[in-house]
Amino acid sequence: MLRIPLQAVPNQTLGVTLARQTVNIALRQNGGSLYFDLALGDESIVITRICRDRQRLLLDAEYKGFQGEFIFVDTQGVDDPVWTGLDQRFALLYLAVGE
């Protein structure tokens, strides 16, 4: 399990390498919900997946070749993530295959 460093801003994009996979993650706050995009190289794995506390973000995307999973965890309760608490209250975690 690896914690992905985030900023407490409503919209952000970051590139990381996870299990030898170079990915781009985009987070966008729209109204009361936070949305997650993931691209592996030039291929979109998921687009505008709503973020919920302790729910897998990739769900049915395993067939697209990405190895692993992402989840948000509310470290102070069970609320869904919002941008104001990113990286403090709401942690984005990468889970390698088998975790």
N, C-alpha and C. Protein backbone atom coordinates (compact mmCIF):
# COMPACT_ATOMS: atom_id res chain seq x y z
N MET A 1 0.85 -1.17 0.00
CA MET A 1 0.00 0.00 0.00
C MET A 1 0.90 1.24 0.00
N LEU A 2 0.53 2.19 -0.84
CA LEU A 2 1.31 3.41 -0.97
C LEU A 2 0.36 4.60 -0.96
N ARG A 3 0.69 5.59 -0.15
CA ARG A 3 -0.13 6.81 -0.11
C ARG A 3 0.35 7.75 -1.20
N ILE A 4 -0.60 8.22 -2.02
CA ILE A 4 -0.30 9.15 -3.10
C ILE A 4 -0.38 10.57 -2.55
N PRO A 5 0.69 11.36 -2.64
CA PRO A 5 0.66 12.73 -2.11
C PRO A 5 -0.24 13.63 -2.96
N LEU A 6 -1.13 14.35 -2.28
CA LEU A 6 -2.07 15.25 -2.93
C LEU A 6 -1.95 16.65 -2.34
N GLN A 7 -2.60 17.59 -3.00
CA GLN A 7 -2.70 18.95 -2.50
C GLN A 7 -4.16 19.26 -2.21
N ALA A 8 -4.41 20.12 -1.27
CA ALA A 8 -5.78 20.53 -0.94
C ALA A 8 -6.22 21.64 -1.89
N VAL A 9 -6.42 21.27 -3.15
CA VAL A 9 -6.90 22.17 -4.20
C VAL A 9 -8.04 21.44 -4.93
N PRO A 10 -8.99 22.19 -5.52
CA PRO A 10 -10.15 21.53 -6.12
C PRO A 10 -9.87 20.74 -7.39
N ASN A 11 -8.82 21.08 -8.12
CA ASN A 11 -8.48 20.39 -9.36
C ASN A 11 -6.97 20.20 -9.42
N GLN A 12 -6.55 18.97 -9.70
CA GLN A 12 -5.13 18.71 -9.79
C GLN A 12 -4.86 17.50 -10.68
N THR A 13 -3.67 17.50 -11.26
CA THR A 13 -3.20 16.39 -12.07
C THR A 13 -1.79 16.08 -11.63
N LEU A 14 -1.48 14.78 -11.50
CA LEU A 14 -0.14 14.40 -11.13
C LEU A 14 0.26 13.12 -11.85
N GLY A 15 1.55 13.00 -12.09
CA GLY A 15 2.09 11.81 -12.71
C GLY A 15 2.91 11.04 -11.68
N VAL A 16 2.71 9.73 -11.63
CA VAL A 16 3.45 8.87 -10.71
C VAL A 16 3.78 7.56 -11.40
N THR A 17 4.79 6.88 -10.88
CA THR A 17 5.12 5.54 -11.35
C THR A 17 4.79 4.57 -10.23
N LEU A 18 3.96 3.58 -10.55
CA LEU A 18 3.49 2.60 -9.58
C LEU A 18 3.65 1.22 -10.18
N ALA A 19 4.40 0.36 -9.52
CA ALA A 19 4.64 -1.00 -10.02
C ALA A 19 5.13 -0.96 -11.47
N ARG A 20 6.08 -0.08 -11.75
CA ARG A 20 6.67 0.11 -13.08
C ARG A 20 5.66 0.55 -14.14
N GLN A 21 4.60 1.22 -13.71
CA GLN A 21 3.59 1.75 -14.61
C GLN A 21 3.55 3.27 -14.43
N THR A 22 3.77 4.01 -15.49
CA THR A 22 3.69 5.47 -15.43
C THR A 22 2.26 5.88 -15.70
N VAL A 23 1.65 6.54 -14.70
CA VAL A 23 0.24 6.91 -14.81
C VAL A 23 0.06 8.40 -14.54
N ASN A 24 -1.04 8.93 -15.04
CA ASN A 24 -1.47 10.28 -14.73
C ASN A 24 -2.81 10.19 -14.01
N ILE A 25 -2.89 10.88 -12.89
CA ILE A 25 -4.09 10.92 -12.08
C ILE A 25 -4.63 12.34 -12.12
N ALA A 26 -5.91 12.49 -12.36
CA ALA A 26 -6.56 13.80 -12.30
C ALA A 26 -7.70 13.72 -11.29
N LEU A 27 -7.79 14.73 -10.44
CA LEU A 27 -8.88 14.85 -9.47
C LEU A 27 -9.58 16.17 -9.71
N ARG A 28 -10.91 16.14 -9.73
CA ARG A 28 -11.70 17.35 -9.94
C ARG A 28 -12.89 17.36 -8.99
N GLN A 29 -13.06 18.48 -8.32
CA GLN A 29 -14.24 18.67 -7.49
C GLN A 29 -15.31 19.29 -8.37
N ASN A 30 -16.50 18.69 -8.38
CA ASN A 30 -17.63 19.23 -9.13
C ASN A 30 -18.83 19.16 -8.21
N GLY A 31 -19.30 20.32 -7.75
CA GLY A 31 -20.37 20.34 -6.77
C GLY A 31 -19.88 19.71 -5.48
N GLY A 32 -20.66 18.80 -4.93
CA GLY A 32 -20.28 18.17 -3.67
C GLY A 32 -19.48 16.88 -3.83
N SER A 33 -19.10 16.53 -5.07
CA SER A 33 -18.40 15.26 -5.30
C SER A 33 -17.03 15.48 -5.92
N LEU A 34 -16.13 14.56 -5.56
CA LEU A 34 -14.78 14.54 -6.13
C LEU A 34 -14.73 13.43 -7.17
N TYR A 35 -14.09 13.71 -8.32
CA TYR A 35 -14.01 12.75 -9.41
C TYR A 35 -12.56 12.42 -9.73
N PHE A 36 -12.33 11.17 -10.17
CA PHE A 36 -11.02 10.60 -10.39
C PHE A 36 -10.89 10.13 -11.83
N ASP A 37 -9.78 10.52 -12.48
CA ASP A 37 -9.42 10.00 -13.81
C ASP A 37 -8.07 9.32 -13.67
N LEU A 38 -7.87 8.25 -14.43
CA LEU A 38 -6.58 7.57 -14.45
C LEU A 38 -6.23 7.23 -15.89
N ALA A 39 -5.01 7.59 -16.30
CA ALA A 39 -4.51 7.24 -17.62
C ALA A 39 -3.19 6.49 -17.46
N LEU A 40 -3.04 5.43 -18.22
CA LEU A 40 -1.81 4.66 -18.28
C LEU A 40 -1.19 4.97 -19.62
N GLY A 41 -0.12 5.76 -19.60
CA GLY A 41 0.43 6.26 -20.86
C GLY A 41 -0.62 7.14 -21.52
N ASP A 42 -0.96 6.83 -22.76
CA ASP A 42 -1.96 7.60 -23.49
C ASP A 42 -3.35 6.98 -23.41
N GLU A 43 -3.49 5.86 -22.70
CA GLU A 43 -4.78 5.18 -22.63
C GLU A 43 -5.52 5.51 -21.34
N SER A 44 -6.77 5.95 -21.48
CA SER A 44 -7.61 6.20 -20.31
C SER A 44 -8.05 4.88 -19.71
N ILE A 45 -7.85 4.75 -18.41
CA ILE A 45 -8.30 3.56 -17.69
C ILE A 45 -9.69 3.81 -17.11
N VAL A 46 -9.86 4.95 -16.44
CA VAL A 46 -11.19 5.38 -16.00
C VAL A 46 -11.29 6.89 -16.18
N ILE A 47 -12.50 7.35 -16.44
CA ILE A 47 -12.76 8.78 -16.62
C ILE A 47 -13.95 9.14 -15.75
N THR A 48 -13.81 10.21 -14.99
CA THR A 48 -14.86 10.74 -14.11
C THR A 48 -15.50 9.69 -13.22
N ARG A 49 -14.68 8.94 -12.51
CA ARG A 49 -15.17 7.98 -11.51
C ARG A 49 -15.40 8.75 -10.21
N ILE A 50 -16.59 8.68 -9.68
CA ILE A 50 -16.90 9.38 -8.43
C ILE A 50 -16.14 8.72 -7.28
N CYS A 51 -15.61 9.54 -6.39
CA CYS A 51 -14.81 9.06 -5.27
C CYS A 51 -15.70 8.89 -4.04
N ARG A 52 -15.64 7.71 -3.46
CA ARG A 52 -16.38 7.39 -2.24
C ARG A 52 -15.41 6.84 -1.22
N ASP A 53 -15.71 7.00 0.04
CA ASP A 53 -14.85 6.50 1.11
C ASP A 53 -14.76 4.98 1.04
N ARG A 54 -13.54 4.48 0.98
CA ARG A 54 -13.22 3.04 1.04
C ARG A 54 -13.86 2.21 -0.07
N GLN A 55 -14.13 2.82 -1.22
CA GLN A 55 -14.64 2.06 -2.36
C GLN A 55 -13.60 2.06 -3.47
N ARG A 56 -13.42 0.91 -4.10
CA ARG A 56 -12.46 0.79 -5.19
C ARG A 56 -12.80 1.76 -6.31
N LEU A 57 -11.76 2.38 -6.86
CA LEU A 57 -11.98 3.34 -7.94
C LEU A 57 -11.90 2.72 -9.33
N LEU A 58 -11.22 1.60 -9.45
CA LEU A 58 -11.07 1.02 -10.78
C LEU A 58 -12.14 0.00 -11.11
N LEU A 59 -12.73 -0.61 -10.13
CA LEU A 59 -13.86 -1.53 -10.31
C LEU A 59 -13.70 -2.47 -11.50
N ASP A 60 -14.31 -2.12 -12.61
CA ASP A 60 -14.34 -2.98 -13.79
C ASP A 60 -13.24 -2.67 -14.80
N ALA A 61 -12.22 -1.94 -14.42
CA ALA A 61 -11.21 -1.48 -15.38
C ALA A 61 -9.99 -2.40 -15.47
N GLU A 62 -9.98 -3.52 -14.76
CA GLU A 62 -8.81 -4.40 -14.75
C GLU A 62 -8.44 -4.90 -16.15
N TYR A 63 -9.40 -5.08 -16.99
CA TYR A 63 -9.13 -5.60 -18.34
C TYR A 63 -8.31 -4.63 -19.18
N LYS A 64 -8.18 -3.39 -18.76
CA LYS A 64 -7.44 -2.40 -19.54
C LYS A 64 -5.95 -2.44 -19.28
N GLY A 65 -5.48 -3.34 -18.46
CA GLY A 65 -4.05 -3.55 -18.32
C GLY A 65 -3.38 -2.90 -17.14
N PHE A 66 -4.07 -2.08 -16.36
CA PHE A 66 -3.44 -1.47 -15.20
C PHE A 66 -3.38 -2.49 -14.07
N GLN A 67 -2.24 -2.55 -13.40
CA GLN A 67 -2.05 -3.48 -12.29
C GLN A 67 -2.19 -2.73 -10.97
N GLY A 68 -3.20 -3.08 -10.18
CA GLY A 68 -3.40 -2.44 -8.88
C GLY A 68 -4.76 -1.81 -8.77
N GLU A 69 -4.94 -1.06 -7.68
CA GLU A 69 -6.23 -0.46 -7.35
C GLU A 69 -6.00 0.82 -6.56
N PHE A 70 -6.97 1.72 -6.56
CA PHE A 70 -6.93 2.94 -5.77
C PHE A 70 -8.17 3.00 -4.89
N ILE A 71 -8.00 3.55 -3.69
CA ILE A 71 -9.13 3.84 -2.81
C ILE A 71 -8.84 5.13 -2.06
N PHE A 72 -9.88 5.86 -1.70
CA PHE A 72 -9.78 6.97 -0.77
C PHE A 72 -10.19 6.47 0.60
N VAL A 73 -9.50 6.95 1.63
CA VAL A 73 -9.84 6.60 3.01
C VAL A 73 -9.99 7.89 3.81
N ASP A 74 -11.12 8.02 4.48
CA ASP A 74 -11.34 9.12 5.42
C ASP A 74 -10.66 8.72 6.73
N THR A 75 -9.60 9.42 7.09
CA THR A 75 -8.83 9.07 8.29
C THR A 75 -9.50 9.53 9.58
N GLN A 76 -10.61 10.29 9.46
CA GLN A 76 -11.30 10.80 10.64
C GLN A 76 -12.76 10.36 10.73
N GLY A 77 -13.17 9.47 9.85
CA GLY A 77 -14.57 9.04 9.85
C GLY A 77 -14.88 8.22 8.63
N VAL A 78 -16.07 8.44 8.07
CA VAL A 78 -16.50 7.66 6.91
C VAL A 78 -17.14 8.55 5.84
N ASP A 79 -16.71 9.82 5.76
CA ASP A 79 -17.25 10.72 4.75
C ASP A 79 -16.55 10.51 3.41
N ASP A 80 -17.25 10.86 2.35
CA ASP A 80 -16.64 10.84 1.02
C ASP A 80 -15.67 12.00 0.90
N PRO A 81 -14.61 11.84 0.10
CA PRO A 81 -13.59 12.88 0.02
C PRO A 81 -14.08 14.16 -0.66
N VAL A 82 -13.58 15.27 -0.18
CA VAL A 82 -13.75 16.58 -0.80
C VAL A 82 -12.38 17.26 -0.82
N TRP A 83 -12.20 18.19 -1.74
CA TRP A 83 -10.88 18.75 -1.97
C TRP A 83 -10.28 19.42 -0.75
N THR A 84 -11.09 20.02 0.11
CA THR A 84 -10.55 20.77 1.26
C THR A 84 -9.79 19.88 2.24
N GLY A 85 -10.05 18.59 2.21
CA GLY A 85 -9.37 17.68 3.14
C GLY A 85 -8.37 16.75 2.48
N LEU A 86 -8.08 16.98 1.19
CA LEU A 86 -7.16 16.08 0.51
C LEU A 86 -5.79 16.07 1.17
N ASP A 87 -5.25 14.89 1.33
CA ASP A 87 -3.94 14.59 1.90
C ASP A 87 -3.86 14.81 3.40
N GLN A 88 -4.82 15.45 4.00
CA GLN A 88 -4.87 15.58 5.45
C GLN A 88 -5.89 14.57 6.00
N ARG A 89 -7.14 14.84 5.73
CA ARG A 89 -8.20 13.94 6.19
C ARG A 89 -8.44 12.79 5.21
N PHE A 90 -8.38 13.09 3.91
CA PHE A 90 -8.70 12.10 2.88
C PHE A 90 -7.42 11.65 2.18
N ALA A 91 -7.08 10.39 2.38
CA ALA A 91 -5.86 9.83 1.79
C ALA A 91 -6.21 9.00 0.56
N LEU A 92 -5.45 9.20 -0.52
CA LEU A 92 -5.58 8.37 -1.71
C LEU A 92 -4.50 7.29 -1.62
N LEU A 93 -4.94 6.03 -1.63
CA LEU A 93 -4.03 4.91 -1.49
C LEU A 93 -3.99 4.08 -2.75
N TYR A 94 -2.78 3.65 -3.12
CA TYR A 94 -2.59 2.70 -4.21
C TYR A 94 -2.36 1.34 -3.59
N LEU A 95 -3.09 0.35 -4.05
CA LEU A 95 -2.94 -1.02 -3.57
C LEU A 95 -2.36 -1.85 -4.70
N ALA A 96 -1.21 -2.44 -4.47
CA ALA A 96 -0.61 -3.31 -5.47
C ALA A 96 -1.43 -4.59 -5.59
N VAL A 97 -1.23 -5.32 -6.67
CA VAL A 97 -1.93 -6.59 -6.86
C VAL A 97 -1.65 -7.48 -5.66
N GLY A 98 -2.70 -8.05 -5.10
CA GLY A 98 -2.57 -8.94 -3.95
C GLY A 98 -2.71 -8.27 -2.59
N GLU A 99 -2.80 -6.94 -2.58
CA GLU A 99 -2.97 -6.24 -1.28
C GLU A 99 -4.44 -6.08 -0.96
